[in-house]
Structures are given as structure tokens and as C-alpha cells.
Amino acid sequence: MPGVFISFEGVEGCGKSTQIQLLAESLRADGREVVVTREPGGTALGQILRKLLLEPATPLAPGAEVLMMLADRAQHIQDVIAPAFNANKIVLCDRFADSTIAYQGHGRKIDLSLLTQLNTFACGGYFPTLTFVLDVPVAEGLRRAQKRRGDDAADHFEVESVAFHERVREGFLSVARAEPERVHVLDSTRPLEVVRQEIGTAVRQRIG
């Protein structure tokens, strides 16, 4: 079977990480080889960049933020995604290029055509064939994120305004409208098991 590249996207607290782990467990039970990774932070360099990017006390210029994200992506492709894909494995990625369009494009209002060009360069020809956007109202997502982190401080993105997160959500939905064959939007306010089953069905229809 050829490699498969699947990404999971959505606003803060949408449930991506949980659904990725559930899907990985299910696919492995079917005998599939699965690589679970994330952005930022899927490589040694990415872990350093992730710490810098998410540190709320570090004031980042929008341009610096997007270039660090793209550096993380280029290294991620080289070190993790391309090798796994070319070895006919299933790659499940927690955030990828669509997050750049949503967060830095819609959220930070950086030119979308420029970001598309930069993403194309950073991705080096590797792009998800299937993407799930777990959609949840911003207020609910932020509530979940706060519950998840407990007493820990909110990160660089979580401290942003509700208006910023609303733009990010609309960014993901805009990507889905533009690419309905690739991007599946799922209502993540529903029970976890319902969402899990829908994801599993869509994946198996795609990969056989």
C-alpha cells in the first residue's frame, strides 16, 4: 500500500490530539504501520521552535512567527513525513499547512497568496491527501483548552483575543469550502465516540 498522509486541524481545544491517538490505535489494530507526529515540534529542531513559539512571554513579530512555523515544517518533512510516507506508512499529523493559513493568514492577516507560496516551498511536494477539521465554537474550545492545561499558563496562541480565534476558525472553514474533496469538517461538540467513528469510516473509505 502506498503511503498515506492525514492531517488534523482546528481551533484550540477542538479535540485533535485525542482523535489522532484513537485513529492510530485503530489502524495499528488493523495491522497498519502508523507514524503520529505534530507541528510545531515533530523533530529535534521543531521541539526547540515549539518552545519559542508557544512561550507567552516571548513577543514575536507576525513575520518571525510564520517563518519559524515554516522552518519547523521544512525540517519536519525531511526528517519525519517524507521518510514515513515513502516507506508506505500512514502519517497522522496534528496540524500542518492549513494551520498556517488559518492562524497566520486569517488570524494574523498575513497575505494568503504569500503564505500559499511559502507553504508550497516548505512542504516540498508533500501535502495531506485527507484532512479533518474538528470544528467547535471558539468559546467552547477555549474552555476545553483551559480545563486541559489546569494551573499551567496559557500559551502564545491561547492568550489571543476571542476575535483572533474567530478569524482562525473561519480560516479553517474557508479552506474546507475551497477543498471539499480533501477537507472534512466534523462537529466536535458531539460525543467523542461519534466523531471517532466518522473519522474511521472516512479514513477506511480513502485507504481501503
C-alpha atoms as a PDB file:
ATOM      1  CA  MET A   1       0.000   0.000   0.000  1.00  0.00           C
ATOM      2  CA  PRO A   2       1.381   3.466  -0.828  1.00  0.00           C
ATOM      3  CA  GLY A   3       1.983   5.929   1.968  1.00  0.00           C
ATOM      4  CA  VAL A   4      -0.936   7.954   3.306  1.00  0.00           C
ATOM      5  CA  PHE A   5      -0.689  11.439   4.812  1.00  0.00           C
ATOM      6  CA  ILE A   6      -3.591  12.624   7.008  1.00  0.00           C
ATOM      7  CA  SER A   7      -3.710  15.887   8.948  1.00  0.00           C
ATOM      8  CA  PHE A   8      -5.947  17.060  11.775  1.00  0.00           C
ATOM      9  CA  GLU A   9      -6.798  20.734  12.189  1.00  0.00           C
ATOM     10  CA  GLY A  10      -8.974  23.028  14.269  1.00  0.00           C
ATOM     11  CA  VAL A  11      -9.076  25.773  16.866  1.00  0.00           C
ATOM     12  CA  GLU A  12      -7.709  25.430  20.378  1.00  0.00           C
ATOM     13  CA  GLY A  13      -9.431  22.691  22.365  1.00  0.00           C
ATOM     14  CA  CYS A  14     -11.131  21.051  19.394  1.00  0.00           C
ATOM     15  CA  GLY A  15     -10.010  17.519  20.300  1.00  0.00           C
ATOM     16  CA  LYS A  16      -7.446  16.833  17.567  1.00  0.00           C
ATOM     17  CA  SER A  17      -4.870  15.075  19.709  1.00  0.00           C
ATOM     18  CA  THR A  18      -7.415  12.707  21.236  1.00  0.00           C
ATOM     19  CA  GLN A  19      -8.886  11.716  17.887  1.00  0.00           C
ATOM     20  CA  ILE A  20      -5.432  11.182  16.361  1.00  0.00           C
ATOM     21  CA  GLN A  21      -4.496   8.744  19.119  1.00  0.00           C
ATOM     22  CA  LEU A  22      -7.787   6.867  18.761  1.00  0.00           C
ATOM     23  CA  LEU A  23      -7.336   6.577  14.998  1.00  0.00           C
ATOM     24  CA  ALA A  24      -3.723   5.457  15.372  1.00  0.00           C
ATOM     25  CA  GLU A  25      -4.745   2.709  17.796  1.00  0.00           C
ATOM     26  CA  SER A  26      -7.486   1.523  15.442  1.00  0.00           C
ATOM     27  CA  LEU A  27      -5.227   1.461  12.378  1.00  0.00           C
ATOM     28  CA  ARG A  28      -2.469  -0.358  14.243  1.00  0.00           C
ATOM     29  CA  ALA A  29      -5.014  -2.944  15.359  1.00  0.00           C
ATOM     30  CA  ASP A  30      -5.712  -3.456  11.638  1.00  0.00           C
ATOM     31  CA  GLY A  31      -2.030  -4.173  11.099  1.00  0.00           C
ATOM     32  CA  ARG A  32      -1.132  -0.792   9.576  1.00  0.00           C
ATOM     33  CA  GLU A  33       2.161   0.972  10.247  1.00  0.00           C
ATOM     34  CA  VAL A  34       1.347   4.401  11.654  1.00  0.00           C
ATOM     35  CA  VAL A  35       3.515   7.422  12.467  1.00  0.00           C
ATOM     36  CA  VAL A  36       1.956  10.058  14.731  1.00  0.00           C
ATOM     37  CA  THR A  37       3.571  13.474  14.666  1.00  0.00           C
ATOM     38  CA  ARG A  38       2.762  17.153  15.199  1.00  0.00           C
ATOM     39  CA  GLU A  39       3.525  20.728  14.260  1.00  0.00           C
ATOM     40  CA  PRO A  40       5.302  22.516  15.630  1.00  0.00           C
ATOM     41  CA  GLY A  41       7.557  20.056  17.404  1.00  0.00           C
ATOM     42  CA  GLY A  42       7.795  16.883  15.343  1.00  0.00           C
ATOM     43  CA  THR A  43      11.598  16.972  15.140  1.00  0.00           C
ATOM     44  CA  ALA A  44      14.503  17.871  17.402  1.00  0.00           C
ATOM     45  CA  LEU A  45      14.640  21.322  15.797  1.00  0.00           C
ATOM     46  CA  GLY A  46      10.873  21.533  15.970  1.00  0.00           C
ATOM     47  CA  GLN A  47      10.877  20.961  19.719  1.00  0.00           C
ATOM     48  CA  ILE A  48      13.133  23.981  20.156  1.00  0.00           C
ATOM     49  CA  LEU A  49      10.966  26.079  17.840  1.00  0.00           C
ATOM     50  CA  ARG A  50       7.796  24.909  19.582  1.00  0.00           C
ATOM     51  CA  LYS A  51       9.078  26.115  22.932  1.00  0.00           C
ATOM     52  CA  LEU A  52       9.929  29.515  21.449  1.00  0.00           C
ATOM     53  CA  LEU A  53       6.650  29.781  19.542  1.00  0.00           C
ATOM     54  CA  LEU A  54       4.341  28.853  22.409  1.00  0.00           C
ATOM     55  CA  GLU A  55       6.099  30.780  25.172  1.00  0.00           C
ATOM     56  CA  PRO A  56       3.598  33.561  26.028  1.00  0.00           C
ATOM     57  CA  ALA A  57       6.330  35.821  27.412  1.00  0.00           C
ATOM     58  CA  THR A  58       8.123  35.871  24.049  1.00  0.00           C
ATOM     59  CA  PRO A  59       6.734  38.715  21.903  1.00  0.00           C
ATOM     60  CA  LEU A  60       7.009  37.506  18.312  1.00  0.00           C
ATOM     61  CA  ALA A  61       6.553  39.650  15.235  1.00  0.00           C
ATOM     62  CA  PRO A  62       3.993  38.034  12.883  1.00  0.00           C
ATOM     63  CA  GLY A  63       6.708  37.605  10.263  1.00  0.00           C
ATOM     64  CA  ALA A  64       9.010  35.869  12.728  1.00  0.00           C
ATOM     65  CA  GLU A  65       6.163  33.623  13.833  1.00  0.00           C
ATOM     66  CA  VAL A  66       5.290  32.450  10.342  1.00  0.00           C
ATOM     67  CA  LEU A  67       8.921  31.907   9.311  1.00  0.00           C
ATOM     68  CA  MET A  68       9.559  29.801  12.414  1.00  0.00           C
ATOM     69  CA  MET A  69       6.479  27.721  11.600  1.00  0.00           C
ATOM     70  CA  LEU A  70       7.734  27.199   8.058  1.00  0.00           C
ATOM     71  CA  ALA A  71      11.234  26.271   9.244  1.00  0.00           C
ATOM     72  CA  ASP A  72       9.640  23.693  11.525  1.00  0.00           C
ATOM     73  CA  ARG A  73       7.610  22.340   8.567  1.00  0.00           C
ATOM     74  CA  ALA A  74      10.545  22.043   6.183  1.00  0.00           C
ATOM     75  CA  GLN A  75      12.573  20.101   8.757  1.00  0.00           C
ATOM     76  CA  HIS A  76       9.523  18.012   9.631  1.00  0.00           C
ATOM     77  CA  ILE A  77       9.062  16.976   6.010  1.00  0.00           C
ATOM     78  CA  GLN A  78      12.711  15.995   5.656  1.00  0.00           C
ATOM     79  CA  ASP A  79      13.098  14.133   8.948  1.00  0.00           C
ATOM     80  CA  VAL A  80       9.689  12.537   9.571  1.00  0.00           C
ATOM     81  CA  ILE A  81       6.951  12.874   6.985  1.00  0.00           C
ATOM     82  CA  ALA A  82       8.793  12.094   3.746  1.00  0.00           C
ATOM     83  CA  PRO A  83      10.650   9.046   5.136  1.00  0.00           C
ATOM     84  CA  ALA A  84       7.468   7.592   6.641  1.00  0.00           C
ATOM     85  CA  PHE A  85       5.364   8.267   3.552  1.00  0.00           C
ATOM     86  CA  ASN A  86       7.990   6.808   1.226  1.00  0.00           C
ATOM     87  CA  ALA A  87       8.158   3.715   3.454  1.00  0.00           C
ATOM     88  CA  ASN A  88       4.422   3.184   2.788  1.00  0.00           C
ATOM     89  CA  LYS A  89       3.352   4.139   6.302  1.00  0.00           C
ATOM     90  CA  ILE A  90       0.323   6.131   7.398  1.00  0.00           C
ATOM     91  CA  VAL A  91       1.294   9.566   8.717  1.00  0.00           C
ATOM     92  CA  LEU A  92      -1.112  11.238  11.143  1.00  0.00           C
ATOM     93  CA  CYS A  93      -0.132  14.850  11.753  1.00  0.00           C
ATOM     94  CA  ASP A  94      -1.509  17.151  14.450  1.00  0.00           C
ATOM     95  CA  ARG A  95      -1.592  20.434  12.485  1.00  0.00           C
ATOM     96  CA  PHE A  96       0.079  21.130   9.163  1.00  0.00           C
ATOM     97  CA  ALA A  97      -0.019  23.762   6.401  1.00  0.00           C
ATOM     98  CA  ASP A  98      -3.704  24.604   6.858  1.00  0.00           C
ATOM     99  CA  SER A  99      -2.893  25.911  10.330  1.00  0.00           C
ATOM    100  CA  THR A 100      -0.543  28.436   8.749  1.00  0.00           C
ATOM    101  CA  ILE A 101      -3.367  29.658   6.515  1.00  0.00           C
ATOM    102  CA  ALA A 102      -5.795  29.822   9.451  1.00  0.00           C
ATOM    103  CA  TYR A 103      -3.566  31.212  12.213  1.00  0.00           C
ATOM    104  CA  GLN A 104      -1.061  33.373  10.377  1.00  0.00           C
ATOM    105  CA  GLY A 105      -3.239  34.139   7.342  1.00  0.00           C
ATOM    106  CA  HIS A 106      -6.705  34.728   8.772  1.00  0.00           C
ATOM    107  CA  GLY A 107      -5.659  35.248  12.377  1.00  0.00           C
ATOM    108  CA  ARG A 108      -2.608  37.483  11.839  1.00  0.00           C
ATOM    109  CA  LYS A 109      -3.895  38.798   8.480  1.00  0.00           C
ATOM    110  CA  ILE A 110      -0.725  37.924   6.565  1.00  0.00           C
ATOM    111  CA  ASP A 111      -1.236  37.804   2.803  1.00  0.00           C
ATOM    112  CA  LEU A 112      -2.782  34.450   1.895  1.00  0.00           C
ATOM    113  CA  SER A 113      -1.171  34.187  -1.532  1.00  0.00           C
ATOM    114  CA  LEU A 114       2.257  34.710   0.035  1.00  0.00           C
ATOM    115  CA  LEU A 115       1.564  32.035   2.654  1.00  0.00           C
ATOM    116  CA  THR A 116       0.431  29.613  -0.035  1.00  0.00           C
ATOM    117  CA  GLN A 117       3.723  30.107  -1.885  1.00  0.00           C
ATOM    118  CA  LEU A 118       5.745  29.690   1.307  1.00  0.00           C
ATOM    119  CA  ASN A 119       3.811  26.556   2.239  1.00  0.00           C
ATOM    120  CA  THR A 120       4.466  25.088  -1.195  1.00  0.00           C
ATOM    121  CA  PHE A 121       8.187  25.717  -0.736  1.00  0.00           C
ATOM    122  CA  ALA A 122       8.310  24.320   2.812  1.00  0.00           C
ATOM    123  CA  CYS A 123       6.236  21.222   2.008  1.00  0.00           C
ATOM    124  CA  GLY A 124       8.495  20.082  -0.823  1.00  0.00           C
ATOM    125  CA  GLY A 125       5.687  18.309  -2.641  1.00  0.00           C
ATOM    126  CA  TYR A 126       4.271  16.510   0.407  1.00  0.00           C
ATOM    127  CA  PHE A 127       0.739  17.502   1.324  1.00  0.00           C
ATOM    128  CA  PRO A 128      -2.114  15.656   3.062  1.00  0.00           C
ATOM    129  CA  THR A 129      -4.491  13.687   0.888  1.00  0.00           C
ATOM    130  CA  LEU A 130      -7.066  13.819   3.679  1.00  0.00           C
ATOM    131  CA  THR A 131      -7.623  16.463   6.340  1.00  0.00           C
ATOM    132  CA  PHE A 132     -10.075  16.571   9.237  1.00  0.00           C
ATOM    133  CA  VAL A 133     -11.118  19.917  10.665  1.00  0.00           C
ATOM    134  CA  LEU A 134     -12.629  19.334  14.081  1.00  0.00           C
ATOM    135  CA  ASP A 135     -14.956  22.275  14.387  1.00  0.00           C
ATOM    136  CA  VAL A 136     -16.067  23.673  17.717  1.00  0.00           C
ATOM    137  CA  PRO A 137     -17.315  27.137  18.753  1.00  0.00           C
ATOM    138  CA  VAL A 138     -14.429  29.281  19.927  1.00  0.00           C
ATOM    139  CA  ALA A 139     -15.812  29.793  23.432  1.00  0.00           C
ATOM    140  CA  GLU A 140     -16.177  26.046  23.932  1.00  0.00           C
ATOM    141  CA  GLY A 141     -12.737  25.338  22.520  1.00  0.00           C
ATOM    142  CA  LEU A 142     -11.067  27.855  24.805  1.00  0.00           C
ATOM    143  CA  ARG A 143     -12.989  26.459  27.775  1.00  0.00           C
ATOM    144  CA  ARG A 144     -11.701  22.980  26.956  1.00  0.00           C
ATOM    145  CA  ALA A 145      -8.162  24.280  26.488  1.00  0.00           C
ATOM    146  CA  GLN A 146      -8.274  25.971  29.878  1.00  0.00           C
ATOM    147  CA  LYS A 147      -9.568  22.796  31.527  1.00  0.00           C
ATOM    148  CA  ARG A 148      -6.847  20.736  29.815  1.00  0.00           C
ATOM    149  CA  ARG A 149      -3.961  22.917  30.943  1.00  0.00           C
ATOM    150  CA  GLY A 150      -5.201  23.244  34.522  1.00  0.00           C
ATOM    151  CA  ASP A 151      -2.925  25.549  36.503  1.00  0.00           C
ATOM    152  CA  ASP A 152      -0.417  25.921  33.664  1.00  0.00           C
ATOM    153  CA  ALA A 153      -0.157  29.276  31.914  1.00  0.00           C
ATOM    154  CA  ALA A 154      -1.941  29.812  28.605  1.00  0.00           C
ATOM    155  CA  ASP A 155       0.394  29.619  25.633  1.00  0.00           C
ATOM    156  CA  HIS A 156       1.224  32.216  22.957  1.00  0.00           C
ATOM    157  CA  PHE A 157      -1.922  31.467  20.948  1.00  0.00           C
ATOM    158  CA  GLU A 158      -4.345  30.701  23.769  1.00  0.00           C
ATOM    159  CA  VAL A 159      -3.865  34.205  25.202  1.00  0.00           C
ATOM    160  CA  GLU A 160      -5.053  35.814  21.959  1.00  0.00           C
ATOM    161  CA  SER A 161      -8.412  37.574  21.781  1.00  0.00           C
ATOM    162  CA  VAL A 162     -11.680  35.808  21.014  1.00  0.00           C
ATOM    163  CA  ALA A 163     -11.809  37.827  17.780  1.00  0.00           C
ATOM    164  CA  PHE A 164      -8.455  36.317  16.727  1.00  0.00           C
ATOM    165  CA  HIS A 165      -9.699  32.795  17.376  1.00  0.00           C
ATOM    166  CA  GLU A 166     -12.924  33.506  15.494  1.00  0.00           C
ATOM    167  CA  ARG A 167     -10.854  34.519  12.475  1.00  0.00           C
ATOM    168  CA  VAL A 168      -8.813  31.335  12.827  1.00  0.00           C
ATOM    169  CA  ARG A 169     -11.969  29.220  12.912  1.00  0.00           C
ATOM    170  CA  GLU A 170     -13.283  30.947   9.810  1.00  0.00           C
ATOM    171  CA  GLY A 171      -9.901  30.340   8.190  1.00  0.00           C
ATOM    172  CA  PHE A 172     -10.240  26.588   8.627  1.00  0.00           C
ATOM    173  CA  LEU A 173     -13.809  26.633   7.329  1.00  0.00           C
ATOM    174  CA  SER A 174     -12.684  28.693   4.345  1.00  0.00           C
ATOM    175  CA  VAL A 175     -10.039  26.093   3.486  1.00  0.00           C
ATOM    176  CA  ALA A 176     -12.677  23.376   3.745  1.00  0.00           C
ATOM    177  CA  ARG A 177     -15.018  25.217   1.394  1.00  0.00           C
ATOM    178  CA  ALA A 178     -12.214  25.628  -1.132  1.00  0.00           C
ATOM    179  CA  GLU A 179     -11.113  21.961  -0.989  1.00  0.00           C
ATOM    180  CA  PRO A 180     -14.135  19.795  -0.091  1.00  0.00           C
ATOM    181  CA  GLU A 181     -12.600  16.633  -1.561  1.00  0.00           C
ATOM    182  CA  ARG A 182      -9.642  16.788   0.813  1.00  0.00           C
ATOM    183  CA  VAL A 183     -11.024  18.539   3.884  1.00  0.00           C
ATOM    184  CA  HIS A 184     -13.750  17.014   6.038  1.00  0.00           C
ATOM    185  CA  VAL A 185     -15.342  19.274   8.661  1.00  0.00           C
ATOM    186  CA  LEU A 186     -16.661  17.403  11.700  1.00  0.00           C
ATOM    187  CA  ASP A 187     -18.763  18.861  14.508  1.00  0.00           C
ATOM    188  CA  SER A 188     -16.538  18.231  17.516  1.00  0.00           C
ATOM    189  CA  THR A 189     -19.173  19.230  20.070  1.00  0.00           C
ATOM    190  CA  ARG A 190     -20.721  15.779  19.623  1.00  0.00           C
ATOM    191  CA  PRO A 191     -19.731  12.748  21.719  1.00  0.00           C
ATOM    192  CA  LEU A 192     -16.142  11.630  21.220  1.00  0.00           C
ATOM    193  CA  GLU A 193     -17.185   8.173  20.027  1.00  0.00           C
ATOM    194  CA  VAL A 194     -19.458   9.577  17.314  1.00  0.00           C
ATOM    195  CA  VAL A 195     -16.634  11.693  15.928  1.00  0.00           C
ATOM    196  CA  ARG A 196     -14.209   8.762  16.175  1.00  0.00           C
ATOM    197  CA  GLN A 197     -16.484   6.544  14.108  1.00  0.00           C
ATOM    198  CA  GLU A 198     -16.936   9.177  11.405  1.00  0.00           C
ATOM    199  CA  ILE A 199     -13.177   9.668  11.137  1.00  0.00           C
ATOM    200  CA  GLY A 200     -12.564   5.926  10.982  1.00  0.00           C
ATOM    201  CA  THR A 201     -15.148   5.460   8.249  1.00  0.00           C
ATOM    202  CA  ALA A 202     -13.741   8.299   6.151  1.00  0.00           C
ATOM    203  CA  VAL A 203     -10.175   7.025   6.500  1.00  0.00           C
ATOM    204  CA  ARG A 204     -11.041   3.468   5.546  1.00  0.00           C
ATOM    205  CA  GLN A 205     -13.024   4.644   2.550  1.00  0.00           C
ATOM    206  CA  ARG A 206      -9.963   6.562   1.416  1.00  0.00           C
ATOM    207  CA  ILE A 207      -7.254   3.971   2.059  1.00  0.00           C
ATOM    208  CA  GLY A 208      -9.243   0.759   1.572  1.00  0.00           C
END
